[in-house]
Amino acid sequence: MVNESKKLYNEALRVLKQTSRTFYIPITLLKPPLKKTVTSAYLCMRAIDEIEDHEELPAETKTTLLNQISHLLHHTFDPKAYNKLIDPYRDKLPEVTIRFNDWLKICPKGIIDKVKEATAIMASGMAKWVEKDWVISTKEDLDEYTYYVAGLVGVMLSDIWKWYDNTNTDPELAIAFGRGLQAVNILRNQEEDLERGVNFIPNDWSRSDLFQYAKKNLNLAEQYIEMINNKNITTFCKIPHKLAEKTLSVMKEGREKMTREEVNIIVDQVTK
């Protein structure tokens, strides 16, 4: 049983490395049991994110899957029901989505309900925005969308910090942290999104306005990080925050993304 559990955890780390450029490094720097917990939580949310972003699945299929997964998570999660739900699409879905139940298995019992709750809310929120065809007209729309797809990550992480060593954080600042990271992603992927007919920028906004939105939320994220006394958690938070700030400055220079060397320099600076 111990060997099986260790094997599953190692497989989770492999899938994590395949699916996340931003979070793989900081997650692997976390100490037990945080490392396992955040790995589990991230993969659960990534699993549903892959459904929302899927290029081949029809919108109706996406909303059905996401709403049904939300329902399963709000109740006693049934792996057989989940497998039955995704079976017709198994050949199209990535490993991280197919193995959703495995990621729940490695989550510690003391925090799993919070992980399930946040993921359930995210899934239903994603379904809502798939139905709306991601039409974002106002700042309020953008705030709602970024809350569901990224702010909830901040909320869930804050729940994990609280469970781990009673670290208290401001939930609004946690949401802002997620929003800031998501806004940077939107800026970076703007052309690609437009090619598939999606524009996440409100009607009366320019790209410059979205830069300001990202910067404002990243500034709030900095306040969030300053509230944390645990050095290991602080390091975890600082890496994606600094990478996002650097990505903003790189894009303002006209470049699409950072170089691998720039990423390594930031990670070294934060971890020293």
Protein backbone atom coordinates (compact mmCIF):
# COMPACT_ATOMS: atom_id res chain seq x y z
CA MET A 1 0.00 0.00 0.00
CA VAL A 2 2.86 2.38 0.88
CA ASN A 3 4.64 1.60 -2.40
CA GLU A 4 1.41 2.13 -4.35
CA SER A 5 0.86 5.49 -2.66
CA LYS A 6 4.44 6.56 -3.39
CA LYS A 7 4.10 5.47 -7.02
CA LEU A 8 0.89 7.49 -7.41
CA TYR A 9 2.54 10.56 -5.90
CA ASN A 10 5.53 10.25 -8.25
CA GLU A 11 3.14 9.99 -11.19
CA ALA A 12 1.36 13.11 -9.96
CA LEU A 13 4.68 14.99 -9.95
CA ARG A 14 5.38 13.78 -13.49
CA VAL A 15 2.00 15.02 -14.72
CA LEU A 16 2.50 18.27 -12.82
CA LYS A 17 5.78 18.89 -14.64
CA GLN A 18 4.08 18.23 -17.98
CA THR A 19 1.17 20.58 -17.33
CA SER A 20 2.56 23.59 -15.47
CA ARG A 21 5.40 25.91 -16.38
CA THR A 22 4.50 28.48 -13.72
CA PHE A 23 3.79 26.30 -10.69
CA TYR A 24 5.97 23.22 -11.06
CA ILE A 25 9.11 24.83 -9.62
CA PRO A 26 7.50 26.51 -6.58
CA ILE A 27 5.42 23.42 -5.77
CA THR A 28 8.48 21.17 -5.75
CA LEU A 29 10.15 23.56 -3.29
CA LEU A 30 7.36 23.10 -0.74
CA LYS A 31 7.95 20.87 2.28
CA PRO A 32 5.81 17.84 3.15
CA PRO A 33 2.87 17.67 3.48
CA LEU A 34 2.38 20.96 1.62
CA LYS A 35 4.06 19.66 -1.51
CA LYS A 36 1.71 16.71 -1.84
CA THR A 37 -1.36 18.79 -0.94
CA VAL A 38 -0.69 21.59 -3.41
CA THR A 39 0.23 19.05 -6.11
CA SER A 40 -3.12 17.35 -5.61
CA ALA A 41 -5.04 20.64 -5.54
CA TYR A 42 -3.31 22.04 -8.61
CA LEU A 43 -3.88 18.90 -10.67
CA CYS A 44 -7.58 18.79 -9.73
CA MET A 45 -8.05 22.33 -10.98
CA ARG A 46 -5.90 21.74 -14.03
CA ALA A 47 -8.04 18.70 -14.87
CA ILE A 48 -11.16 20.82 -15.26
CA ASP A 49 -9.25 23.67 -16.90
CA GLU A 50 -8.31 21.27 -19.70
CA ILE A 51 -12.02 20.68 -20.33
CA GLU A 52 -12.82 24.40 -20.48
CA ASP A 53 -9.91 25.09 -22.86
CA HIS A 54 -10.38 21.99 -25.04
CA GLU A 55 -10.20 22.86 -28.74
CA GLU A 56 -12.31 19.94 -30.01
CA LEU A 57 -15.09 19.42 -27.47
CA PRO A 58 -18.37 21.23 -28.30
CA ALA A 59 -19.53 23.89 -25.83
CA GLU A 60 -22.54 21.79 -24.81
CA THR A 61 -20.27 18.87 -23.94
CA LYS A 62 -17.97 21.11 -21.92
CA THR A 63 -20.81 22.58 -19.87
CA THR A 64 -22.28 19.13 -19.23
CA LEU A 65 -18.95 17.71 -18.08
CA LEU A 66 -18.07 20.70 -15.91
CA ASN A 67 -21.49 20.90 -14.25
CA GLN A 68 -21.58 17.15 -13.61
CA ILE A 69 -18.06 17.21 -12.13
CA SER A 70 -19.13 20.09 -9.89
CA HIS A 71 -22.13 18.03 -8.75
CA LEU A 72 -19.93 15.01 -7.98
CA LEU A 73 -17.52 17.14 -5.95
CA HIS A 74 -20.31 18.73 -3.93
CA HIS A 75 -21.38 15.24 -2.86
CA THR A 76 -19.49 12.07 -1.99
CA PHE A 77 -17.22 11.84 -5.01
CA ASP A 78 -17.86 8.59 -6.86
CA PRO A 79 -14.90 7.52 -9.06
CA LYS A 80 -17.12 5.11 -11.03
CA ALA A 81 -19.58 7.89 -11.83
CA TYR A 82 -16.70 10.13 -12.91
CA ASN A 83 -15.26 7.45 -15.20
CA LYS A 84 -18.70 6.83 -16.71
CA LEU A 85 -19.08 10.58 -17.29
CA ILE A 86 -15.79 10.98 -19.19
CA ASP A 87 -15.76 7.59 -20.97
CA PRO A 88 -17.27 8.89 -24.24
CA TYR A 89 -14.49 11.50 -24.44
CA ARG A 90 -11.59 9.51 -23.01
CA ASP A 91 -9.69 9.48 -26.31
CA LYS A 92 -9.82 13.28 -26.46
CA LEU A 93 -9.04 14.16 -22.85
CA PRO A 94 -5.49 14.51 -21.45
CA GLU A 95 -4.09 12.32 -18.69
CA VAL A 96 -4.48 15.04 -16.06
CA THR A 97 -8.26 15.06 -16.62
CA ILE A 98 -8.73 11.30 -17.00
CA ARG A 99 -6.94 10.66 -13.70
CA PHE A 100 -8.88 13.20 -11.65
CA ASN A 101 -9.70 10.62 -8.98
CA ASP A 102 -6.00 9.78 -8.54
CA TRP A 103 -5.24 13.40 -7.67
CA LEU A 104 -7.97 13.37 -5.03
CA LYS A 105 -6.49 10.18 -3.58
CA ILE A 106 -3.19 11.84 -2.68
CA CYS A 107 -4.82 14.80 -0.94
CA PRO A 108 -4.65 14.64 2.89
CA LYS A 109 -8.01 13.97 4.55
CA GLY A 110 -7.85 17.10 6.69
CA ILE A 111 -7.98 19.45 3.70
CA ILE A 112 -9.59 17.46 0.89
CA ASP A 113 -13.08 18.90 1.49
CA LYS A 114 -11.75 22.44 0.90
CA VAL A 115 -9.99 21.33 -2.28
CA LYS A 116 -13.16 19.66 -3.54
CA GLU A 117 -15.29 22.69 -2.66
CA ALA A 118 -13.07 25.19 -4.49
CA THR A 119 -12.75 22.91 -7.52
CA ALA A 120 -16.52 22.38 -7.61
CA ILE A 121 -17.19 26.14 -7.60
CA MET A 122 -14.55 26.61 -10.30
CA ALA A 123 -16.10 23.90 -12.49
CA SER A 124 -19.60 25.40 -12.33
CA GLY A 125 -18.17 28.88 -12.94
CA MET A 126 -16.25 27.66 -15.97
CA ALA A 127 -19.43 26.02 -17.29
CA LYS A 128 -21.22 29.34 -16.96
CA TRP A 129 -18.60 31.13 -19.01
CA VAL A 130 -18.50 28.43 -21.66
CA GLU A 131 -22.26 28.93 -22.03
CA LYS A 132 -21.67 32.69 -22.36
CA ASP A 133 -19.03 31.97 -25.03
CA TRP A 134 -16.52 33.91 -22.91
CA VAL A 135 -18.10 37.22 -23.95
CA ILE A 136 -16.57 39.79 -21.60
CA SER A 137 -18.07 43.24 -22.03
CA THR A 138 -17.29 44.99 -18.75
CA LYS A 139 -14.75 45.06 -15.94
CA GLU A 140 -17.34 43.27 -13.80
CA ASP A 141 -17.40 40.45 -16.36
CA LEU A 142 -13.61 40.25 -16.29
CA ASP A 143 -13.58 40.23 -12.48
CA GLU A 144 -16.11 37.39 -12.40
CA TYR A 145 -14.34 35.31 -15.02
CA THR A 146 -10.90 35.73 -13.43
CA TYR A 147 -12.40 34.88 -10.03
CA TYR A 148 -13.66 31.53 -11.27
CA VAL A 149 -10.61 30.48 -13.25
CA ALA A 150 -7.83 31.90 -11.03
CA GLY A 151 -9.08 33.73 -7.94
CA LEU A 152 -10.40 30.44 -6.58
CA VAL A 153 -6.87 29.05 -6.78
CA GLY A 154 -5.85 31.78 -4.35
CA VAL A 155 -8.78 30.99 -2.07
CA MET A 156 -7.93 27.29 -2.06
CA LEU A 157 -4.24 27.93 -1.34
CA SER A 158 -5.19 30.18 1.58
CA ASP A 159 -7.33 27.36 2.96
CA ILE A 160 -4.31 25.05 2.66
CA TRP A 161 -2.01 27.50 4.48
CA LYS A 162 -4.58 27.83 7.27
CA TRP A 163 -4.88 24.04 7.58
CA TYR A 164 -1.11 23.53 7.51
CA ASP A 165 0.11 25.86 10.26
CA ASN A 166 -2.75 28.29 10.96
CA THR A 167 -1.37 30.91 8.55
CA ASN A 168 -4.07 33.54 8.06
CA THR A 169 -4.40 35.55 4.86
CA ASP A 170 -6.88 38.04 3.41
CA PRO A 171 -9.28 36.22 1.02
CA GLU A 172 -9.75 39.32 -1.16
CA LEU A 173 -5.99 39.65 -1.58
CA ALA A 174 -5.82 35.92 -2.38
CA ILE A 175 -8.38 36.43 -5.15
CA ALA A 176 -6.42 39.44 -6.44
CA PHE A 177 -3.30 37.28 -6.61
CA GLY A 178 -5.07 34.84 -8.89
CA ARG A 179 -6.57 37.65 -10.95
CA GLY A 180 -3.15 39.22 -11.48
CA LEU A 181 -1.62 35.99 -12.74
CA GLN A 182 -4.60 35.34 -15.03
CA ALA A 183 -4.48 38.87 -16.45
CA VAL A 184 -0.83 38.33 -17.40
CA ASN A 185 -1.84 35.08 -19.14
CA ILE A 186 -4.60 36.90 -21.02
CA LEU A 187 -2.13 39.54 -22.21
CA ARG A 188 0.37 36.91 -23.26
CA ASN A 189 -2.19 34.82 -25.14
CA GLN A 190 -4.24 37.65 -26.62
CA GLU A 191 -3.44 36.98 -30.28
CA GLU A 192 -3.95 33.23 -29.89
CA ASP A 193 -7.31 33.81 -28.18
CA LEU A 194 -8.44 36.22 -30.90
CA GLU A 195 -7.65 33.59 -33.53
CA ARG A 196 -10.18 31.26 -31.86
CA GLY A 197 -12.71 34.08 -31.60
CA VAL A 198 -12.32 34.93 -27.90
CA ASN A 199 -11.50 38.36 -26.48
CA PHE A 200 -11.11 38.64 -22.71
CA ILE A 201 -10.65 42.43 -22.78
CA PRO A 202 -13.75 44.53 -21.89
CA ASN A 203 -15.34 46.52 -24.71
CA ASP A 204 -14.13 49.97 -23.71
CA TRP A 205 -10.64 48.83 -22.68
CA SER A 206 -7.34 48.94 -24.52
CA ARG A 207 -4.46 46.55 -24.02
CA SER A 208 -2.93 49.25 -21.83
CA ASP A 209 -5.96 49.10 -19.51
CA LEU A 210 -5.45 45.36 -19.08
CA PHE A 211 -1.79 46.00 -18.21
CA GLN A 212 -3.01 48.36 -15.47
CA TYR A 213 -5.52 45.74 -14.27
CA ALA A 214 -2.78 43.13 -14.06
CA LYS A 215 -0.39 45.48 -12.27
CA LYS A 216 -3.02 46.60 -9.74
CA ASN A 217 -3.84 43.00 -8.83
CA LEU A 218 -0.18 42.00 -8.64
CA ASN A 219 0.39 44.89 -6.23
CA LEU A 220 -2.41 43.50 -4.06
CA ALA A 221 -0.75 40.08 -4.35
CA GLU A 222 2.39 41.60 -2.90
CA GLN A 223 0.38 42.66 0.16
CA TYR A 224 -0.92 39.09 0.39
CA ILE A 225 2.60 37.69 0.42
CA GLU A 226 3.74 40.19 3.07
CA MET A 227 1.07 38.83 5.46
CA ILE A 228 2.67 35.36 5.44
CA ASN A 229 5.29 34.51 8.06
CA ASN A 230 6.11 30.99 6.89
CA LYS A 231 9.25 31.29 4.73
CA ASN A 232 8.50 28.13 2.72
CA ILE A 233 5.03 29.41 1.77
CA THR A 234 6.40 32.89 1.07
CA THR A 235 8.96 31.46 -1.35
CA PHE A 236 6.23 29.46 -3.08
CA CYS A 237 4.14 32.62 -3.57
CA LYS A 238 7.00 34.90 -4.59
CA ILE A 239 8.11 32.81 -7.58
CA PRO A 240 4.91 33.05 -9.70
CA HIS A 241 4.47 36.66 -8.53
CA LYS A 242 7.95 37.72 -9.65
CA LEU A 243 7.62 35.76 -12.89
CA ALA A 244 4.34 37.53 -13.62
CA GLU A 245 5.83 40.96 -12.92
CA LYS A 246 8.81 40.20 -15.16
CA THR A 247 6.49 38.91 -17.91
CA LEU A 248 4.63 42.23 -17.84
CA SER A 249 7.86 44.20 -18.27
CA VAL A 250 9.02 41.84 -21.05
CA MET A 251 5.75 42.29 -22.95
CA LYS A 252 6.00 46.07 -22.60
CA GLU A 253 9.40 45.76 -24.30
CA GLY A 254 7.66 44.02 -27.20
CA ARG A 255 8.80 40.49 -26.41
CA GLU A 256 6.34 37.60 -26.10
CA LYS A 257 7.87 35.89 -23.07
CA MET A 258 10.91 35.58 -20.84
CA THR A 259 13.96 33.59 -21.75
CA ARG A 260 14.78 30.44 -19.80
CA GLU A 261 17.80 32.27 -18.37
CA GLU A 262 15.58 35.09 -17.07
CA VAL A 263 13.29 32.55 -15.40
CA ASN A 264 16.26 30.84 -13.74
CA ILE A 265 17.63 34.16 -12.48
CA ILE A 266 14.31 35.04 -10.82
CA VAL A 267 13.97 31.60 -9.21
CA ASP A 268 17.56 31.85 -7.90
CA GLN A 269 16.93 35.33 -6.50
CA VAL A 270 13.79 34.26 -4.67
CA THR A 271 15.20 31.02 -3.27
CA LYS A 272 18.51 32.44 -1.96
